[in-house]
């Protein structure tokens, strides 16, 4: 089984829980050329939703936040796991963390229908560095990080 695990920063913001709020945020990010590794939304109250943004490039997301007034909390840390879709593919990852006394706080995954899967998992911030070491998570420049980014972008605030 081939498994690659990357550490990934994420940010979140809150929005009113009404139709179109996530769409407005995603439109703003797309207009400003902020490419995403992942995006998630979940209710946090009767009238509020938390929008979780996993940017390909944190600098570009920060530019958008500064120029548009988008209030972000972060960076926080998550792991993105990419591997071959096999029965029990996630057991080893969870077992390693469990054996170390590290709790997976939230997670979400999806098989790609082509024999692979992607999985995002969060541990408590105090456990993140130890979990990264246990899982052998990559912190080195890769296609997931800002360092190897080859996409041209001239930032111009669009208000």
N, C-alpha and C. Protein backbone atom coordinates (compact mmCIF):
# COMPACT_ATOMS: atom_id res chain seq x y z
N UNK A 1 0.85 -1.18 0.00
CA UNK A 1 0.00 0.00 0.00
C UNK A 1 0.89 1.24 0.00
N UNK A 2 0.70 2.11 -0.97
CA UNK A 2 1.43 3.36 -1.04
C UNK A 2 0.62 4.43 -0.30
N UNK A 3 1.25 5.04 0.69
CA UNK A 3 0.59 6.09 1.45
C UNK A 3 1.55 7.28 1.55
N UNK A 4 1.04 8.45 1.24
CA UNK A 4 1.80 9.69 1.43
C UNK A 4 1.02 10.56 2.39
N UNK A 5 1.71 11.10 3.37
CA UNK A 5 1.06 11.95 4.36
C UNK A 5 1.78 13.30 4.38
N UNK A 6 0.99 14.36 4.26
CA UNK A 6 1.51 15.72 4.23
C UNK A 6 0.88 16.51 5.36
N UNK A 7 1.66 17.40 5.93
CA UNK A 7 1.06 18.36 6.85
C UNK A 7 0.50 19.49 5.99
N UNK A 8 -0.65 19.99 6.39
CA UNK A 8 -1.29 21.04 5.59
C UNK A 8 -1.90 22.08 6.52
N UNK A 9 -1.59 23.35 6.31
CA UNK A 9 -2.22 24.39 7.11
C UNK A 9 -3.66 24.60 6.65
N UNK A 10 -4.49 25.01 7.58
CA UNK A 10 -5.85 25.38 7.22
C UNK A 10 -6.29 26.57 8.04
N UNK A 11 -7.30 27.24 7.55
CA UNK A 11 -7.87 28.42 8.18
C UNK A 11 -9.37 28.25 8.19
N UNK A 12 -10.03 28.94 9.09
CA UNK A 12 -11.48 28.91 9.04
C UNK A 12 -12.05 30.28 9.31
N UNK A 13 -13.28 30.42 8.85
CA UNK A 13 -14.04 31.64 9.07
C UNK A 13 -15.48 31.22 9.34
N UNK A 14 -16.23 32.10 9.92
CA UNK A 14 -17.64 31.82 10.20
C UNK A 14 -18.52 32.61 9.24
N UNK A 15 -19.66 32.05 8.94
CA UNK A 15 -20.61 32.71 8.04
C UNK A 15 -22.02 32.40 8.53
N UNK A 16 -22.95 33.25 8.15
CA UNK A 16 -24.35 33.00 8.44
C UNK A 16 -24.77 31.72 7.73
N UNK A 17 -25.57 30.93 8.38
CA UNK A 17 -26.03 29.67 7.81
C UNK A 17 -27.25 29.93 6.93
N UNK A 18 -26.97 30.52 5.77
CA UNK A 18 -28.02 30.82 4.79
C UNK A 18 -27.54 30.37 3.42
N UNK A 19 -28.45 30.09 2.51
CA UNK A 19 -28.05 29.66 1.17
C UNK A 19 -27.13 30.67 0.50
N UNK A 20 -26.05 30.16 -0.09
CA UNK A 20 -25.16 31.00 -0.88
C UNK A 20 -23.92 31.51 -0.18
N UNK A 21 -23.82 31.39 1.15
CA UNK A 21 -22.65 31.94 1.85
C UNK A 21 -21.36 31.22 1.45
N UNK A 22 -21.37 29.90 1.42
CA UNK A 22 -20.17 29.17 1.00
C UNK A 22 -19.85 29.50 -0.45
N UNK A 23 -20.88 29.61 -1.28
CA UNK A 23 -20.68 29.94 -2.69
C UNK A 23 -20.03 31.30 -2.84
N UNK A 24 -20.45 32.27 -2.04
CA UNK A 24 -19.85 33.62 -2.12
C UNK A 24 -18.36 33.57 -1.75
N UNK A 25 -18.03 32.82 -0.70
CA UNK A 25 -16.62 32.71 -0.31
C UNK A 25 -15.82 32.00 -1.40
N UNK A 26 -16.32 30.91 -1.90
CA UNK A 26 -15.60 30.18 -2.94
C UNK A 26 -15.45 31.01 -4.20
N UNK A 27 -16.45 31.81 -4.54
CA UNK A 27 -16.37 32.70 -5.69
C UNK A 27 -15.27 33.74 -5.49
N UNK A 28 -15.24 34.31 -4.28
CA UNK A 28 -14.21 35.31 -3.96
C UNK A 28 -12.81 34.69 -4.08
N UNK A 29 -12.64 33.50 -3.55
CA UNK A 29 -11.33 32.85 -3.61
C UNK A 29 -10.95 32.51 -5.05
N UNK A 30 -11.90 32.02 -5.83
CA UNK A 30 -11.61 31.70 -7.23
C UNK A 30 -11.28 32.95 -8.02
N UNK A 31 -12.02 34.04 -7.79
CA UNK A 31 -11.77 35.30 -8.49
C UNK A 31 -10.36 35.80 -8.20
N UNK A 32 -9.89 35.56 -6.99
CA UNK A 32 -8.56 36.01 -6.60
C UNK A 32 -7.49 34.94 -6.83
N UNK A 33 -7.87 33.86 -7.53
CA UNK A 33 -6.95 32.80 -7.93
C UNK A 33 -6.34 32.05 -6.76
N UNK A 34 -7.11 31.87 -5.71
CA UNK A 34 -6.67 31.07 -4.57
C UNK A 34 -7.11 29.64 -4.82
N UNK A 35 -6.14 28.78 -5.10
CA UNK A 35 -6.42 27.38 -5.36
C UNK A 35 -6.50 26.63 -4.04
N UNK A 36 -7.42 25.70 -3.92
CA UNK A 36 -7.63 24.98 -2.67
C UNK A 36 -7.25 23.51 -2.78
N UNK A 37 -6.65 23.00 -1.71
CA UNK A 37 -6.44 21.56 -1.58
C UNK A 37 -7.73 20.90 -1.15
N UNK A 38 -8.46 21.59 -0.28
CA UNK A 38 -9.73 21.06 0.24
C UNK A 38 -10.55 22.20 0.80
N UNK A 39 -11.82 21.92 1.00
CA UNK A 39 -12.75 22.88 1.59
C UNK A 39 -13.80 22.08 2.33
N UNK A 40 -14.23 22.59 3.47
CA UNK A 40 -15.25 21.92 4.25
C UNK A 40 -16.13 22.96 4.92
N UNK A 41 -17.38 22.62 5.14
CA UNK A 41 -18.30 23.50 5.85
C UNK A 41 -19.07 22.65 6.84
N UNK A 42 -19.26 23.19 8.04
CA UNK A 42 -20.04 22.46 9.02
C UNK A 42 -20.76 23.44 9.93
N UNK A 43 -21.97 23.06 10.35
CA UNK A 43 -22.73 23.95 11.23
C UNK A 43 -22.09 24.02 12.62
N UNK A 44 -22.08 25.22 13.18
CA UNK A 44 -21.56 25.39 14.54
C UNK A 44 -22.58 26.02 15.47
N UNK A 45 -23.76 26.18 14.99
CA UNK A 45 -24.84 26.76 15.78
C UNK A 45 -26.09 26.81 14.93
N UNK A 46 -27.17 27.29 15.50
CA UNK A 46 -28.42 27.29 14.74
C UNK A 46 -28.39 28.20 13.51
N UNK A 47 -27.58 29.24 13.54
CA UNK A 47 -27.57 30.20 12.43
C UNK A 47 -26.16 30.47 11.91
N UNK A 48 -25.20 29.59 12.20
CA UNK A 48 -23.82 29.87 11.85
C UNK A 48 -23.14 28.61 11.31
N UNK A 49 -22.28 28.81 10.33
CA UNK A 49 -21.52 27.74 9.71
C UNK A 49 -20.04 28.10 9.74
N UNK A 50 -19.22 27.09 9.96
CA UNK A 50 -17.78 27.28 9.90
C UNK A 50 -17.31 26.80 8.53
N UNK A 51 -16.60 27.66 7.81
CA UNK A 51 -16.06 27.35 6.50
C UNK A 51 -14.55 27.13 6.67
N UNK A 52 -14.10 25.94 6.33
CA UNK A 52 -12.71 25.55 6.56
C UNK A 52 -11.99 25.51 5.23
N UNK A 53 -10.89 26.25 5.14
CA UNK A 53 -10.17 26.46 3.89
C UNK A 53 -8.77 25.87 4.02
N UNK A 54 -8.44 24.96 3.12
CA UNK A 54 -7.11 24.36 3.05
C UNK A 54 -6.47 24.90 1.77
N UNK A 55 -5.74 26.00 1.86
CA UNK A 55 -5.22 26.63 0.63
C UNK A 55 -3.99 25.93 0.08
N UNK A 56 -3.87 25.95 -1.22
CA UNK A 56 -2.66 25.47 -1.90
C UNK A 56 -1.50 26.40 -1.55
N UNK A 57 -1.79 27.68 -1.45
CA UNK A 57 -0.77 28.68 -1.15
C UNK A 57 -1.31 29.61 -0.07
N UNK A 58 -0.73 29.53 1.11
CA UNK A 58 -1.22 30.32 2.25
C UNK A 58 -1.01 31.82 2.03
N UNK A 59 0.03 32.18 1.31
CA UNK A 59 0.31 33.59 1.07
C UNK A 59 -0.81 34.24 0.26
N UNK A 60 -1.29 33.55 -0.74
CA UNK A 60 -2.36 34.10 -1.56
C UNK A 60 -3.64 34.25 -0.77
N UNK A 61 -3.93 33.28 0.10
CA UNK A 61 -5.12 33.39 0.94
C UNK A 61 -4.98 34.58 1.88
N UNK A 62 -3.80 34.77 2.45
CA UNK A 62 -3.56 35.92 3.34
C UNK A 62 -3.74 37.24 2.59
N UNK A 63 -3.28 37.30 1.35
CA UNK A 63 -3.48 38.51 0.54
C UNK A 63 -4.96 38.83 0.38
N UNK A 64 -5.74 37.82 0.07
CA UNK A 64 -7.18 38.01 -0.12
C UNK A 64 -7.81 38.48 1.19
N UNK A 65 -7.43 37.86 2.29
CA UNK A 65 -7.99 38.25 3.60
C UNK A 65 -7.67 39.71 3.89
N UNK A 66 -6.43 40.11 3.67
CA UNK A 66 -6.03 41.50 3.93
C UNK A 66 -6.78 42.48 3.05
N UNK A 67 -6.92 42.18 1.78
CA UNK A 67 -7.51 43.13 0.84
C UNK A 67 -9.04 43.13 0.81
N UNK A 68 -9.65 42.09 1.35
CA UNK A 68 -11.12 42.04 1.30
C UNK A 68 -11.75 42.08 2.69
N UNK A 69 -10.94 42.05 3.73
CA UNK A 69 -11.49 42.08 5.08
C UNK A 69 -11.99 40.73 5.57
N UNK A 70 -11.66 39.66 4.87
CA UNK A 70 -12.05 38.31 5.29
C UNK A 70 -11.35 37.98 6.61
N UNK A 71 -12.13 37.66 7.62
CA UNK A 71 -11.57 37.33 8.93
C UNK A 71 -11.30 35.84 9.00
N UNK A 72 -10.02 35.48 9.18
CA UNK A 72 -9.62 34.08 9.23
C UNK A 72 -9.01 33.74 10.58
N UNK A 73 -9.24 32.54 11.03
CA UNK A 73 -8.56 32.01 12.21
C UNK A 73 -7.56 30.98 11.70
N UNK A 74 -6.32 31.12 12.12
CA UNK A 74 -5.31 30.16 11.68
C UNK A 74 -3.96 30.82 11.55
N UNK A 75 -2.97 30.12 11.14
CA UNK A 75 -3.07 28.78 10.60
C UNK A 75 -3.21 27.72 11.69
N UNK A 76 -3.99 26.72 11.36
CA UNK A 76 -4.09 25.50 12.17
C UNK A 76 -3.46 24.41 11.32
N UNK A 77 -3.35 23.22 11.89
CA UNK A 77 -2.63 22.16 11.18
C UNK A 77 -3.46 20.90 11.03
N UNK A 78 -3.36 20.31 9.86
CA UNK A 78 -4.04 19.06 9.56
C UNK A 78 -3.07 18.17 8.79
N UNK A 79 -3.49 16.95 8.58
CA UNK A 79 -2.75 16.03 7.73
C UNK A 79 -3.63 15.66 6.55
N UNK A 80 -3.02 15.63 5.38
CA UNK A 80 -3.70 15.12 4.21
C UNK A 80 -3.00 13.82 3.85
N UNK A 81 -3.80 12.77 3.78
CA UNK A 81 -3.29 11.44 3.48
C UNK A 81 -3.77 11.06 2.08
N UNK A 82 -2.87 10.52 1.31
CA UNK A 82 -3.21 10.10 -0.04
C UNK A 82 -2.67 8.68 -0.19
N UNK A 83 -3.53 7.75 -0.63
CA UNK A 83 -3.05 6.37 -0.75
C UNK A 83 -3.89 5.53 -1.66
N UNK A 84 -3.52 4.25 -1.72
CA UNK A 84 -4.26 3.27 -2.49
C UNK A 84 -5.49 2.84 -1.71
N UNK A 85 -6.61 2.80 -2.38
CA UNK A 85 -7.87 2.45 -1.74
C UNK A 85 -7.94 0.93 -1.56
N UNK A 86 -7.70 0.50 -0.33
CA UNK A 86 -7.77 -0.91 0.03
C UNK A 86 -8.58 -1.05 1.29
N UNK A 87 -9.14 -2.21 1.49
CA UNK A 87 -9.87 -2.49 2.70
C UNK A 87 -8.94 -2.28 3.90
N UNK A 88 -9.34 -1.44 4.84
CA UNK A 88 -8.54 -1.18 6.03
C UNK A 88 -7.42 -0.18 5.82
N UNK A 89 -7.47 0.58 4.75
CA UNK A 89 -6.38 1.50 4.41
C UNK A 89 -6.07 2.50 5.53
N UNK A 90 -7.06 2.87 6.31
CA UNK A 90 -6.85 3.88 7.34
C UNK A 90 -6.51 3.29 8.71
N UNK A 91 -6.61 1.97 8.83
CA UNK A 91 -6.37 1.33 10.13
C UNK A 91 -4.97 1.62 10.64
N UNK A 92 -3.95 1.47 9.81
CA UNK A 92 -2.57 1.66 10.24
C UNK A 92 -2.35 3.08 10.78
N UNK A 93 -2.90 4.06 10.10
CA UNK A 93 -2.73 5.44 10.52
C UNK A 93 -3.36 5.66 11.89
N UNK A 94 -4.60 5.22 12.03
CA UNK A 94 -5.29 5.39 13.31
C UNK A 94 -4.64 4.56 14.42
N UNK A 95 -4.14 3.38 14.07
CA UNK A 95 -3.49 2.53 15.08
C UNK A 95 -2.21 3.18 15.60
N UNK A 96 -1.41 3.74 14.71
CA UNK A 96 -0.18 4.41 15.13
C UNK A 96 -0.48 5.56 16.08
N UNK A 97 -1.49 6.35 15.75
CA UNK A 97 -1.85 7.49 16.61
C UNK A 97 -2.43 7.00 17.93
N UNK A 98 -3.28 6.01 17.87
CA UNK A 98 -3.88 5.45 19.09
C UNK A 98 -2.82 4.88 20.02
N UNK A 99 -1.87 4.14 19.46
CA UNK A 99 -0.79 3.56 20.26
C UNK A 99 0.04 4.63 20.96
N UNK A 100 0.10 5.81 20.36
CA UNK A 100 0.86 6.93 20.93
C UNK A 100 0.00 7.79 21.85
N UNK A 101 -1.26 7.41 22.03
CA UNK A 101 -2.15 8.18 22.90
C UNK A 101 -2.63 9.48 22.26
N UNK A 102 -2.63 9.53 20.94
CA UNK A 102 -3.05 10.73 20.22
C UNK A 102 -4.44 10.48 19.65
N UNK A 103 -5.35 11.37 19.96
CA UNK A 103 -6.73 11.27 19.50
C UNK A 103 -6.91 11.98 18.16
N UNK A 104 -7.58 11.33 17.23
CA UNK A 104 -7.98 11.99 15.99
C UNK A 104 -9.27 12.74 16.32
N UNK A 105 -9.20 14.07 16.26
CA UNK A 105 -10.36 14.88 16.64
C UNK A 105 -11.44 14.90 15.58
N UNK A 106 -11.06 15.09 14.33
CA UNK A 106 -12.01 15.04 13.21
C UNK A 106 -11.29 14.47 12.00
N UNK A 107 -12.06 13.90 11.10
CA UNK A 107 -11.48 13.38 9.88
C UNK A 107 -12.56 13.26 8.82
N UNK A 108 -12.12 13.23 7.58
CA UNK A 108 -13.04 13.09 6.47
C UNK A 108 -12.26 12.53 5.30
N UNK A 109 -12.86 11.64 4.55
CA UNK A 109 -12.14 11.06 3.44
C UNK A 109 -13.06 10.71 2.30
N UNK A 110 -12.44 10.39 1.18
CA UNK A 110 -13.20 10.08 -0.01
C UNK A 110 -12.35 9.22 -0.94
N UNK A 111 -12.94 8.13 -1.42
CA UNK A 111 -12.29 7.33 -2.45
C UNK A 111 -12.47 8.04 -3.79
N UNK A 112 -11.46 7.99 -4.63
CA UNK A 112 -11.55 8.74 -5.89
C UNK A 112 -12.18 7.95 -7.03
N UNK A 113 -12.52 6.68 -6.79
CA UNK A 113 -13.12 5.87 -7.83
C UNK A 113 -12.13 5.32 -8.84
N UNK A 114 -10.86 5.61 -8.65
CA UNK A 114 -9.81 5.15 -9.55
C UNK A 114 -8.76 4.33 -8.80
N UNK A 115 -9.12 3.86 -7.60
CA UNK A 115 -8.19 3.03 -6.82
C UNK A 115 -7.42 3.80 -5.76
N UNK A 116 -7.73 5.07 -5.56
CA UNK A 116 -7.04 5.86 -4.55
C UNK A 116 -8.02 6.52 -3.61
N UNK A 117 -7.49 7.18 -2.60
CA UNK A 117 -8.32 7.94 -1.67
C UNK A 117 -7.55 9.14 -1.17
N UNK A 118 -8.28 10.09 -0.64
CA UNK A 118 -7.72 11.25 0.05
C UNK A 118 -8.44 11.32 1.39
N UNK A 119 -7.69 11.71 2.42
CA UNK A 119 -8.22 11.69 3.77
C UNK A 119 -7.61 12.87 4.51
N UNK A 120 -8.43 13.65 5.18
CA UNK A 120 -7.94 14.76 5.99
C UNK A 120 -8.20 14.40 7.44
N UNK A 121 -7.19 14.57 8.27
CA UNK A 121 -7.41 14.32 9.69
C UNK A 121 -6.78 15.41 10.52
N UNK A 122 -7.43 15.66 11.66
CA UNK A 122 -6.99 16.68 12.60
C UNK A 122 -6.73 16.05 13.95
N UNK A 123 -5.64 16.44 14.56
CA UNK A 123 -5.35 16.07 15.94
C UNK A 123 -5.24 17.37 16.74
N UNK A 124 -5.23 17.27 18.03
CA UNK A 124 -5.08 18.46 18.87
C UNK A 124 -3.76 19.14 18.53
N UNK A 125 -3.77 20.46 18.52
CA UNK A 125 -2.55 21.23 18.18
C UNK A 125 -1.35 20.81 19.02
N UNK A 126 -1.58 20.51 20.30
CA UNK A 126 -0.47 20.11 21.18
C UNK A 126 0.15 18.78 20.75
N UNK A 127 -0.59 17.97 20.01
CA UNK A 127 -0.11 16.66 19.56
C UNK A 127 0.40 16.67 18.12
N UNK A 128 0.28 17.80 17.44
CA UNK A 128 0.54 17.82 16.01
C UNK A 128 1.97 17.42 15.65
N UNK A 129 2.96 18.02 16.28
CA UNK A 129 4.36 17.71 15.92
C UNK A 129 4.70 16.26 16.19
N UNK A 130 4.23 15.73 17.30
CA UNK A 130 4.49 14.33 17.63
C UNK A 130 3.78 13.41 16.64
N UNK A 131 2.55 13.76 16.28
CA UNK A 131 1.80 12.97 15.29
C UNK A 131 2.51 13.01 13.93
N UNK A 132 3.03 14.17 13.56
CA UNK A 132 3.75 14.30 12.29
C UNK A 132 4.96 13.37 12.27
N UNK A 133 5.66 13.31 13.38
CA UNK A 133 6.83 12.44 13.47
C UNK A 133 6.41 10.96 13.40
N UNK A 134 5.39 10.61 14.15
CA UNK A 134 4.91 9.22 14.16
C UNK A 134 4.44 8.78 12.78
N UNK A 135 3.73 9.65 12.09
CA UNK A 135 3.18 9.31 10.77
C UNK A 135 4.19 9.48 9.65
N UNK A 136 5.32 10.12 9.94
CA UNK A 136 6.30 10.38 8.89
C UNK A 136 5.78 11.39 7.89
N UNK A 137 5.01 12.35 8.38
CA UNK A 137 4.41 13.36 7.49
C UNK A 137 5.49 14.24 6.88
N UNK A 138 5.33 14.53 5.62
CA UNK A 138 6.28 15.36 4.90
C UNK A 138 6.10 16.83 5.24
N UNK A 139 7.21 17.47 5.59
CA UNK A 139 7.22 18.92 5.77
C UNK A 139 8.11 19.53 4.68
N UNK A 140 8.70 18.68 3.88
CA UNK A 140 9.62 19.15 2.86
C UNK A 140 8.82 19.70 1.69
N UNK A 141 9.43 20.61 0.94
CA UNK A 141 8.73 21.17 -0.21
C UNK A 141 8.22 20.08 -1.13
N UNK A 142 6.99 20.24 -1.55
CA UNK A 142 6.37 19.31 -2.48
C UNK A 142 5.32 20.09 -3.25
N UNK A 143 4.57 19.41 -4.08
CA UNK A 143 3.52 20.09 -4.83
C UNK A 143 2.46 20.66 -3.90
N UNK A 144 2.43 20.23 -2.63
CA UNK A 144 1.44 20.69 -1.67
C UNK A 144 1.86 22.02 -1.04
N UNK A 145 3.14 22.36 -1.13
CA UNK A 145 3.66 23.52 -0.43
C UNK A 145 3.85 24.71 -1.35
N UNK A 146 4.04 25.87 -0.75
CA UNK A 146 4.24 27.11 -1.49
C UNK A 146 5.57 27.12 -2.26
N UNK A 147 6.55 26.37 -1.81
CA UNK A 147 7.91 26.48 -2.33
C UNK A 147 8.03 26.07 -3.78
N UNK A 148 7.27 25.10 -4.21
CA UNK A 148 7.39 24.60 -5.57
C UNK A 148 6.30 25.15 -6.48
N UNK A 149 5.59 26.12 -6.01
CA UNK A 149 4.48 26.65 -6.77
C UNK A 149 4.97 27.32 -8.04
N UNK A 150 4.50 26.86 -9.18
CA UNK A 150 4.94 27.38 -10.46
C UNK A 150 3.81 28.10 -11.20
N UNK A 151 2.75 28.40 -10.47
CA UNK A 151 1.60 29.05 -11.09
C UNK A 151 1.80 30.56 -11.01
N UNK A 152 1.84 31.26 -12.15
CA UNK A 152 2.00 32.72 -12.09
C UNK A 152 0.74 33.37 -11.53
N UNK A 153 0.94 34.39 -10.76
CA UNK A 153 -0.20 35.12 -10.21
C UNK A 153 0.25 36.53 -9.87
N UNK A 154 -0.44 37.48 -10.43
CA UNK A 154 -0.21 38.88 -10.08
C UNK A 154 -1.40 39.28 -9.23
N UNK A 155 -1.18 39.58 -7.98
CA UNK A 155 -2.29 39.91 -7.10
C UNK A 155 -2.80 41.30 -7.41
N UNK A 156 -4.09 41.37 -7.60
CA UNK A 156 -4.74 42.65 -7.80
C UNK A 156 -6.08 42.55 -7.07
N UNK A 157 -6.24 43.31 -6.03
CA UNK A 157 -7.46 43.22 -5.24
C UNK A 157 -8.66 43.59 -6.09
N UNK A 158 -9.67 42.76 -6.03
CA UNK A 158 -10.91 43.00 -6.77
C UNK A 158 -12.00 43.23 -5.74
N UNK A 159 -12.37 44.44 -5.54
CA UNK A 159 -13.33 44.78 -4.51
C UNK A 159 -14.73 44.79 -5.02
